[in-house]
Amino acid sequence: MTTTLGNVASVAARAGGSVIRQVRSIVDPSSARPAGADRPASGWLVVTLAGEPSEIDVDQLPAFLARFGDQLEVRVRAAPGGRRTEFAARLRGRPFGSTAARLSGTDPQADLRSALRRAKQVVEVGEVLVVDPAPHGDRTATPGGTLLEMWTRAAPKAGVR
């Protein structure tokens, strides 16, 4: 009986906290943001490259990144802890897409993430590494295979979020 009462009290406390946060966010919107949220999020996407920062020429970007033109802001610096070079890029104006845009494959941030990965591969390996194509011959289409092929096409734009 005590355990049930404790569970009910815990649920009530969480619900009350949620209601209080919602009311506070309506009355004072700044209270709903975490510390430091008055500054916009940076939007930088960063990869670590082999080599020294002086070896990277930001005026001669790989084609994957160069296609963004003036929309792209780039910075190169030594990576923390002496771990090679940190190469960062972000889109000016922060044109983030919606969830629907991400799912449909039209999110500019996802396009930049994919281009940054490809550029890293070109700088380090000399070519873009790709998933081997399906073996030759005919395959019976299966729901699992179709799903796997869809994720393989979408994977370069995804990443850790």
N, C-alpha and C. Protein backbone atom coordinates (compact mmCIF):
# COMPACT_ATOMS: atom_id res chain seq x y z
N MET A 1 0.82 -1.19 0.00
CA MET A 1 0.00 0.00 0.00
C MET A 1 0.87 1.25 0.00
N THR A 2 1.95 1.23 0.76
CA THR A 2 2.84 2.38 0.83
C THR A 2 3.50 2.64 -0.53
N THR A 3 3.86 1.56 -1.23
CA THR A 3 4.49 1.70 -2.53
C THR A 3 3.53 2.36 -3.52
N THR A 4 2.29 1.97 -3.52
CA THR A 4 1.30 2.56 -4.41
C THR A 4 1.11 4.03 -4.10
N LEU A 5 1.03 4.37 -2.82
CA LEU A 5 0.89 5.76 -2.42
C LEU A 5 2.11 6.57 -2.85
N GLY A 6 3.30 6.00 -2.74
CA GLY A 6 4.53 6.67 -3.17
C GLY A 6 4.54 6.90 -4.67
N ASN A 7 4.06 5.90 -5.43
CA ASN A 7 4.00 6.04 -6.89
C ASN A 7 3.04 7.15 -7.29
N VAL A 8 1.89 7.21 -6.62
CA VAL A 8 0.91 8.24 -6.93
C VAL A 8 1.48 9.62 -6.60
N ALA A 9 2.15 9.73 -5.46
CA ALA A 9 2.75 11.01 -5.07
C ALA A 9 3.83 11.43 -6.07
N SER A 10 4.60 10.48 -6.53
CA SER A 10 5.66 10.77 -7.49
C SER A 10 5.07 11.28 -8.81
N VAL A 11 4.04 10.62 -9.30
CA VAL A 11 3.39 11.03 -10.54
C VAL A 11 2.78 12.42 -10.37
N ALA A 12 2.14 12.66 -9.23
CA ALA A 12 1.52 13.96 -8.98
C ALA A 12 2.57 15.07 -8.94
N ALA A 13 3.70 14.79 -8.32
CA ALA A 13 4.77 15.79 -8.23
C ALA A 13 5.33 16.11 -9.61
N ARG A 14 5.53 15.09 -10.45
CA ARG A 14 6.02 15.33 -11.80
C ARG A 14 5.03 16.12 -12.62
N ALA A 15 3.74 15.76 -12.51
CA ALA A 15 2.70 16.48 -13.25
C ALA A 15 2.62 17.92 -12.78
N GLY A 16 2.70 18.13 -11.48
CA GLY A 16 2.67 19.50 -10.94
C GLY A 16 3.85 20.31 -11.44
N GLY A 17 5.01 19.70 -11.47
CA GLY A 17 6.20 20.39 -11.97
C GLY A 17 6.04 20.79 -13.43
N SER A 18 5.46 19.89 -14.23
CA SER A 18 5.24 20.20 -15.64
C SER A 18 4.27 21.36 -15.81
N VAL A 19 3.21 21.36 -15.01
CA VAL A 19 2.22 22.45 -15.09
C VAL A 19 2.88 23.77 -14.69
N ILE A 20 3.66 23.76 -13.63
CA ILE A 20 4.33 24.98 -13.18
C ILE A 20 5.29 25.50 -14.26
N ARG A 21 6.06 24.60 -14.89
CA ARG A 21 6.97 25.03 -15.96
C ARG A 21 6.21 25.64 -17.12
N GLN A 22 5.07 25.03 -17.49
CA GLN A 22 4.28 25.56 -18.60
C GLN A 22 3.75 26.95 -18.27
N VAL A 23 3.21 27.12 -17.07
CA VAL A 23 2.68 28.43 -16.67
C VAL A 23 3.80 29.46 -16.64
N ARG A 24 4.96 29.11 -16.07
CA ARG A 24 6.08 30.04 -16.02
C ARG A 24 6.56 30.42 -17.41
N SER A 25 6.52 29.47 -18.34
CA SER A 25 6.98 29.78 -19.70
C SER A 25 6.02 30.73 -20.40
N ILE A 26 4.75 30.71 -20.03
CA ILE A 26 3.79 31.64 -20.62
C ILE A 26 3.95 33.02 -19.99
N VAL A 27 4.09 33.07 -18.68
CA VAL A 27 4.22 34.33 -17.97
C VAL A 27 5.56 34.99 -18.27
N ASP A 28 6.65 34.22 -18.21
CA ASP A 28 8.00 34.73 -18.45
C ASP A 28 8.72 33.77 -19.38
N PRO A 29 8.65 34.01 -20.70
CA PRO A 29 9.26 33.06 -21.66
C PRO A 29 10.74 32.80 -21.41
N SER A 30 11.47 33.74 -20.84
CA SER A 30 12.90 33.52 -20.61
C SER A 30 13.13 32.43 -19.56
N SER A 31 12.15 32.17 -18.69
CA SER A 31 12.33 31.14 -17.67
C SER A 31 12.25 29.74 -18.25
N ALA A 32 11.72 29.60 -19.44
CA ALA A 32 11.59 28.28 -20.06
C ALA A 32 12.86 27.83 -20.76
N ARG A 33 13.81 28.77 -20.96
CA ARG A 33 15.04 28.43 -21.66
C ARG A 33 16.11 28.00 -20.68
N PRO A 34 16.94 27.06 -21.08
CA PRO A 34 18.05 26.69 -20.22
C PRO A 34 19.08 27.81 -20.15
N ALA A 35 19.99 27.70 -19.19
CA ALA A 35 21.03 28.71 -19.03
C ALA A 35 21.80 28.87 -20.33
N GLY A 36 22.05 30.09 -20.72
CA GLY A 36 22.79 30.36 -21.95
C GLY A 36 21.92 30.34 -23.19
N ALA A 37 20.62 30.11 -23.03
CA ALA A 37 19.75 30.03 -24.20
C ALA A 37 19.42 31.39 -24.77
N ASP A 38 19.82 32.47 -24.10
CA ASP A 38 19.58 33.79 -24.67
C ASP A 38 20.49 34.02 -25.87
N ARG A 39 21.56 33.23 -25.96
CA ARG A 39 22.43 33.28 -27.13
C ARG A 39 21.96 32.20 -28.11
N PRO A 40 21.96 32.50 -29.39
CA PRO A 40 21.53 31.48 -30.35
C PRO A 40 22.51 30.31 -30.38
N ALA A 41 21.99 29.12 -30.66
CA ALA A 41 22.85 27.94 -30.80
C ALA A 41 23.79 28.18 -31.98
N SER A 42 24.96 27.61 -31.92
CA SER A 42 25.99 27.94 -32.90
C SER A 42 25.70 27.40 -34.30
N GLY A 43 25.20 26.20 -34.41
CA GLY A 43 24.94 25.63 -35.72
C GLY A 43 26.18 25.07 -36.40
N TRP A 44 27.33 25.11 -35.74
CA TRP A 44 28.55 24.59 -36.35
C TRP A 44 28.51 23.07 -36.39
N LEU A 45 28.91 22.52 -37.52
CA LEU A 45 29.13 21.08 -37.66
C LEU A 45 30.64 20.92 -37.79
N VAL A 46 31.21 20.00 -37.02
CA VAL A 46 32.67 19.92 -36.92
C VAL A 46 33.14 18.50 -37.18
N VAL A 47 34.23 18.38 -37.93
CA VAL A 47 34.92 17.10 -38.11
C VAL A 47 36.38 17.30 -37.79
N THR A 48 37.04 16.24 -37.39
CA THR A 48 38.48 16.28 -37.13
C THR A 48 39.18 15.66 -38.33
N LEU A 49 40.15 16.40 -38.87
CA LEU A 49 40.88 15.94 -40.05
C LEU A 49 42.31 15.59 -39.68
N ALA A 50 42.86 14.64 -40.42
CA ALA A 50 44.27 14.31 -40.26
C ALA A 50 45.08 15.46 -40.87
N GLY A 51 46.17 15.80 -40.25
CA GLY A 51 47.03 16.85 -40.77
C GLY A 51 46.99 18.10 -39.91
N GLU A 52 47.75 19.09 -40.34
CA GLU A 52 47.88 20.34 -39.62
C GLU A 52 46.89 21.37 -40.17
N PRO A 53 46.46 22.32 -39.33
CA PRO A 53 45.54 23.37 -39.81
C PRO A 53 46.10 24.15 -41.00
N SER A 54 47.40 24.34 -41.05
CA SER A 54 48.00 25.10 -42.16
C SER A 54 47.88 24.37 -43.50
N GLU A 55 47.62 23.08 -43.47
CA GLU A 55 47.49 22.29 -44.70
C GLU A 55 46.12 22.43 -45.35
N ILE A 56 45.15 22.99 -44.63
CA ILE A 56 43.79 23.12 -45.14
C ILE A 56 43.60 24.51 -45.72
N ASP A 57 43.24 24.58 -47.01
CA ASP A 57 43.01 25.85 -47.70
C ASP A 57 41.51 26.08 -47.80
N VAL A 58 41.00 27.03 -47.02
CA VAL A 58 39.56 27.28 -47.01
C VAL A 58 39.09 27.98 -48.28
N ASP A 59 40.01 28.49 -49.08
CA ASP A 59 39.63 29.10 -50.36
C ASP A 59 39.46 28.05 -51.46
N GLN A 60 39.96 26.85 -51.25
CA GLN A 60 39.85 25.76 -52.21
C GLN A 60 39.10 24.59 -51.56
N LEU A 61 37.84 24.80 -51.25
CA LEU A 61 37.05 23.75 -50.59
C LEU A 61 36.72 22.65 -51.58
N PRO A 62 36.58 21.42 -51.09
CA PRO A 62 36.11 20.34 -51.97
C PRO A 62 34.75 20.70 -52.57
N ALA A 63 34.46 20.17 -53.73
CA ALA A 63 33.23 20.51 -54.46
C ALA A 63 31.97 20.32 -53.63
N PHE A 64 31.98 19.35 -52.75
CA PHE A 64 30.79 19.09 -51.93
C PHE A 64 30.43 20.30 -51.07
N LEU A 65 31.46 21.00 -50.57
CA LEU A 65 31.23 22.18 -49.74
C LEU A 65 31.18 23.45 -50.58
N ALA A 66 31.94 23.50 -51.67
CA ALA A 66 31.99 24.70 -52.51
C ALA A 66 30.63 25.02 -53.11
N ARG A 67 29.79 24.03 -53.30
CA ARG A 67 28.48 24.26 -53.92
C ARG A 67 27.56 25.12 -53.04
N PHE A 68 27.88 25.24 -51.75
CA PHE A 68 27.08 26.09 -50.86
C PHE A 68 27.41 27.57 -51.06
N GLY A 69 28.54 27.86 -51.68
CA GLY A 69 28.93 29.23 -52.01
C GLY A 69 29.02 30.14 -50.81
N ASP A 70 28.43 31.33 -50.93
CA ASP A 70 28.49 32.33 -49.88
C ASP A 70 27.62 31.98 -48.67
N GLN A 71 26.77 30.99 -48.79
CA GLN A 71 25.94 30.57 -47.66
C GLN A 71 26.78 29.91 -46.57
N LEU A 72 27.97 29.46 -46.92
CA LEU A 72 28.78 28.66 -46.02
C LEU A 72 29.82 29.49 -45.28
N GLU A 73 29.91 29.27 -43.99
CA GLU A 73 30.94 29.87 -43.16
C GLU A 73 31.83 28.73 -42.67
N VAL A 74 33.14 28.89 -42.82
CA VAL A 74 34.09 27.82 -42.51
C VAL A 74 35.16 28.34 -41.56
N ARG A 75 35.60 27.48 -40.65
CA ARG A 75 36.74 27.82 -39.80
C ARG A 75 37.61 26.58 -39.62
N VAL A 76 38.90 26.82 -39.53
CA VAL A 76 39.88 25.74 -39.35
C VAL A 76 40.76 26.13 -38.18
N ARG A 77 40.98 25.19 -37.27
CA ARG A 77 41.87 25.44 -36.13
C ARG A 77 42.40 24.11 -35.62
N ALA A 78 43.41 24.22 -34.77
CA ALA A 78 43.96 23.01 -34.17
C ALA A 78 42.90 22.38 -33.26
N ALA A 79 42.77 21.08 -33.34
CA ALA A 79 41.79 20.39 -32.50
C ALA A 79 42.27 20.37 -31.05
N PRO A 80 41.34 20.35 -30.11
CA PRO A 80 41.72 20.32 -28.70
C PRO A 80 42.61 19.12 -28.38
N GLY A 81 43.54 19.30 -27.49
CA GLY A 81 44.41 18.21 -27.06
C GLY A 81 45.43 17.80 -28.10
N GLY A 82 45.68 18.65 -29.10
CA GLY A 82 46.67 18.32 -30.12
C GLY A 82 46.25 17.19 -31.03
N ARG A 83 44.95 16.99 -31.19
CA ARG A 83 44.45 15.90 -32.03
C ARG A 83 44.15 16.39 -33.44
N ARG A 84 45.15 16.70 -34.17
CA ARG A 84 45.07 17.07 -35.57
C ARG A 84 44.38 18.42 -35.79
N THR A 85 43.44 18.46 -36.77
CA THR A 85 42.81 19.71 -37.18
C THR A 85 41.30 19.62 -37.04
N GLU A 86 40.71 20.69 -36.56
CA GLU A 86 39.27 20.77 -36.44
C GLU A 86 38.76 21.62 -37.60
N PHE A 87 37.89 21.06 -38.40
CA PHE A 87 37.31 21.75 -39.56
C PHE A 87 35.82 21.91 -39.28
N ALA A 88 35.36 23.15 -39.22
CA ALA A 88 33.97 23.43 -38.87
C ALA A 88 33.29 24.20 -40.00
N ALA A 89 32.01 23.94 -40.17
CA ALA A 89 31.23 24.65 -41.19
C ALA A 89 29.82 24.86 -40.67
N ARG A 90 29.23 25.97 -41.09
CA ARG A 90 27.82 26.22 -40.78
C ARG A 90 27.24 27.09 -41.87
N LEU A 91 25.93 27.01 -41.98
CA LEU A 91 25.22 27.80 -42.97
C LEU A 91 24.89 29.17 -42.38
N ARG A 92 25.11 30.21 -43.16
CA ARG A 92 24.75 31.55 -42.70
C ARG A 92 23.22 31.66 -42.73
N GLY A 93 22.67 32.35 -41.77
CA GLY A 93 21.23 32.53 -41.73
C GLY A 93 20.50 31.35 -41.11
N ARG A 94 21.23 30.32 -40.76
CA ARG A 94 20.69 29.14 -40.07
C ARG A 94 19.38 28.62 -40.68
N PRO A 95 19.38 28.21 -41.93
CA PRO A 95 18.16 27.73 -42.56
C PRO A 95 17.85 26.28 -42.18
N PHE A 96 17.50 26.06 -40.91
CA PHE A 96 17.18 24.71 -40.48
C PHE A 96 15.84 24.30 -41.05
N GLY A 97 15.75 23.06 -41.46
CA GLY A 97 14.49 22.54 -41.96
C GLY A 97 13.64 21.99 -40.83
N SER A 98 12.43 21.71 -41.15
CA SER A 98 11.51 21.13 -40.18
C SER A 98 11.71 19.62 -40.13
N THR A 99 10.98 18.98 -39.24
CA THR A 99 11.03 17.52 -39.17
C THR A 99 10.59 16.93 -40.49
N ALA A 100 9.56 17.50 -41.09
CA ALA A 100 9.08 17.01 -42.39
C ALA A 100 10.17 17.15 -43.45
N ALA A 101 10.91 18.26 -43.40
CA ALA A 101 12.00 18.46 -44.37
C ALA A 101 13.09 17.43 -44.16
N ARG A 102 13.42 17.13 -42.89
CA ARG A 102 14.44 16.12 -42.63
C ARG A 102 14.00 14.76 -43.14
N LEU A 103 12.74 14.43 -42.92
CA LEU A 103 12.25 13.12 -43.36
C LEU A 103 12.17 13.02 -44.87
N SER A 104 11.88 14.14 -45.53
CA SER A 104 11.77 14.11 -46.99
C SER A 104 13.11 14.28 -47.69
N GLY A 105 14.17 14.61 -46.91
CA GLY A 105 15.50 14.73 -47.49
C GLY A 105 15.81 16.11 -48.04
N THR A 106 15.07 17.15 -47.60
CA THR A 106 15.30 18.50 -48.10
C THR A 106 15.82 19.45 -47.02
N ASP A 107 16.41 18.95 -45.97
CA ASP A 107 16.92 19.77 -44.89
C ASP A 107 18.32 20.28 -45.25
N PRO A 108 18.53 21.60 -45.31
CA PRO A 108 19.85 22.12 -45.68
C PRO A 108 20.94 21.74 -44.68
N GLN A 109 20.59 21.63 -43.41
CA GLN A 109 21.58 21.24 -42.39
C GLN A 109 22.04 19.80 -42.64
N ALA A 110 21.11 18.93 -43.04
CA ALA A 110 21.48 17.55 -43.35
C ALA A 110 22.35 17.50 -44.60
N ASP A 111 22.05 18.36 -45.58
CA ASP A 111 22.89 18.42 -46.78
C ASP A 111 24.30 18.85 -46.43
N LEU A 112 24.42 19.83 -45.53
CA LEU A 112 25.74 20.27 -45.10
C LEU A 112 26.47 19.16 -44.35
N ARG A 113 25.77 18.45 -43.48
CA ARG A 113 26.39 17.35 -42.73
C ARG A 113 26.95 16.30 -43.69
N SER A 114 26.17 15.96 -44.70
CA SER A 114 26.62 14.98 -45.69
C SER A 114 27.82 15.50 -46.47
N ALA A 115 27.78 16.77 -46.88
CA ALA A 115 28.88 17.36 -47.64
C ALA A 115 30.15 17.42 -46.79
N LEU A 116 29.99 17.72 -45.52
CA LEU A 116 31.15 17.79 -44.62
C LEU A 116 31.80 16.41 -44.46
N ARG A 117 30.98 15.38 -44.33
CA ARG A 117 31.52 14.01 -44.24
C ARG A 117 32.27 13.64 -45.52
N ARG A 118 31.68 13.96 -46.66
CA ARG A 118 32.31 13.63 -47.93
C ARG A 118 33.63 14.39 -48.10
N ALA A 119 33.62 15.67 -47.72
CA ALA A 119 34.84 16.47 -47.82
C ALA A 119 35.94 15.89 -46.93
N LYS A 120 35.58 15.44 -45.74
CA LYS A 120 36.56 14.82 -44.84
C LYS A 120 37.18 13.59 -45.51
N GLN A 121 36.36 12.79 -46.15
CA GLN A 121 36.87 11.60 -46.82
C GLN A 121 37.81 11.96 -47.97
N VAL A 122 37.45 12.98 -48.74
CA VAL A 122 38.29 13.39 -49.87
C VAL A 122 39.63 13.92 -49.36
N VAL A 123 39.61 14.71 -48.29
CA VAL A 123 40.85 15.27 -47.75
C VAL A 123 41.74 14.16 -47.19
N GLU A 124 41.15 13.21 -46.48
CA GLU A 124 41.95 12.18 -45.80
C GLU A 124 42.29 10.98 -46.67
N VAL A 125 41.35 10.56 -47.52
CA VAL A 125 41.54 9.32 -48.27
C VAL A 125 41.74 9.56 -49.76
N GLY A 126 41.23 10.69 -50.25
CA GLY A 126 41.36 10.99 -51.67
C GLY A 126 40.14 10.62 -52.48
N GLU A 127 39.16 10.01 -51.86
CA GLU A 127 37.93 9.64 -52.55
C GLU A 127 36.81 9.51 -51.52
N VAL A 128 35.57 9.49 -52.02
CA VAL A 128 34.43 9.30 -51.14
C VAL A 128 34.16 7.81 -51.02
N LEU A 129 34.15 7.35 -49.81
CA LEU A 129 33.87 5.94 -49.57
C LEU A 129 32.37 5.69 -49.65
N VAL A 130 31.99 4.64 -50.36
CA VAL A 130 30.57 4.34 -50.52
C VAL A 130 30.30 2.89 -50.13
N VAL A 131 29.04 2.64 -49.84
CA VAL A 131 28.62 1.27 -49.54
C VAL A 131 28.67 0.47 -50.82
N ASP A 132 29.21 -0.73 -50.75
CA ASP A 132 29.25 -1.58 -51.94
C ASP A 132 27.85 -1.79 -52.47
N PRO A 133 27.70 -1.79 -53.78
CA PRO A 133 26.37 -2.03 -54.33
C PRO A 133 25.92 -3.47 -54.02
N ALA A 134 24.64 -3.68 -54.15
CA ALA A 134 24.09 -5.01 -53.92
C ALA A 134 24.74 -5.99 -54.90
N PRO A 135 24.92 -7.23 -54.50
CA PRO A 135 25.53 -8.21 -55.41
C PRO A 135 24.73 -8.32 -56.71
N HIS A 136 25.44 -8.71 -57.76
CA HIS A 136 24.77 -8.83 -59.05
C HIS A 136 23.71 -9.91 -59.01
N GLY A 137 22.83 -9.86 -59.97
CA GLY A 137 21.76 -10.85 -60.02
C GLY A 137 20.46 -10.27 -59.49
N ASP A 138 19.44 -11.08 -59.55
CA ASP A 138 18.13 -10.64 -59.09
C ASP A 138 17.91 -11.07 -57.65
N ARG A 139 17.28 -10.19 -56.91
CA ARG A 139 16.92 -10.49 -55.54
C ARG A 139 15.42 -10.36 -55.40
N THR A 140 14.85 -11.20 -54.59
CA THR A 140 13.45 -11.07 -54.29
C THR A 140 13.29 -9.90 -53.33
N ALA A 141 12.40 -8.98 -53.67
CA ALA A 141 12.18 -7.82 -52.81
C ALA A 141 11.48 -8.27 -51.52
N THR A 142 12.01 -7.82 -50.41
CA THR A 142 11.42 -8.12 -49.11
C THR A 142 11.22 -6.81 -48.36
N PRO A 143 10.29 -6.77 -47.42
CA PRO A 143 10.11 -5.53 -46.65
C PRO A 143 11.39 -5.12 -45.91
N GLY A 144 12.09 -6.08 -45.35
CA GLY A 144 13.34 -5.77 -44.64
C GLY A 144 14.40 -5.23 -45.57
N GLY A 145 14.52 -5.80 -46.75
CA GLY A 145 15.50 -5.33 -47.72
C GLY A 145 15.18 -3.94 -48.22
N THR A 146 13.90 -3.67 -48.45
CA THR A 146 13.48 -2.34 -48.88
C THR A 146 13.79 -1.31 -47.81
N LEU A 147 13.51 -1.64 -46.56
CA LEU A 147 13.80 -0.74 -45.45
C LEU A 147 15.31 -0.49 -45.34
N LEU A 148 16.10 -1.53 -45.48
CA LEU A 148 17.55 -1.39 -45.42
C LEU A 148 18.07 -0.48 -46.53
N GLU A 149 17.55 -0.64 -47.73
CA GLU A 149 17.98 0.20 -48.85
C GLU A 149 17.59 1.66 -48.63
N MET A 150 16.41 1.91 -48.04
CA MET A 150 15.99 3.28 -47.74
C MET A 150 16.93 3.92 -46.74
N TRP A 151 17.29 3.18 -45.68
CA TRP A 151 18.19 3.73 -44.66
C TRP A 151 19.60 3.94 -45.21
N THR A 152 20.03 3.08 -46.12
CA THR A 152 21.35 3.24 -46.72
C THR A 152 21.41 4.53 -47.53
N ARG A 153 20.32 4.86 -48.21
CA ARG A 153 20.28 6.12 -48.98
C ARG A 153 20.22 7.34 -48.06
N ALA A 154 19.53 7.22 -46.92
CA ALA A 154 19.34 8.36 -46.01
C ALA A 154 20.51 8.54 -45.03
N ALA A 155 21.30 7.51 -44.81
CA ALA A 155 22.34 7.54 -43.78
C ALA A 155 23.35 8.67 -43.92
N PRO A 156 23.82 9.01 -45.11
CA PRO A 156 24.83 10.07 -45.19
C PRO A 156 24.34 11.42 -44.67
N LYS A 157 23.05 11.66 -44.67
CA LYS A 157 22.52 12.94 -44.19
C LYS A 157 22.13 12.90 -42.73
N ALA A 158 22.15 11.76 -42.12
CA ALA A 158 21.69 11.65 -40.74
C ALA A 158 22.79 12.08 -39.80
N GLY A 159 23.29 11.19 -38.99
CA GLY A 159 24.33 11.55 -38.04
C GLY A 159 23.79 11.58 -36.63
N VAL A 160 24.65 11.86 -35.72
CA VAL A 160 24.28 11.89 -34.31
C VAL A 160 23.56 13.19 -34.02
N ARG A 161 22.42 13.11 -33.36
CA ARG A 161 21.65 14.32 -33.02
C ARG A 161 21.32 14.29 -31.56
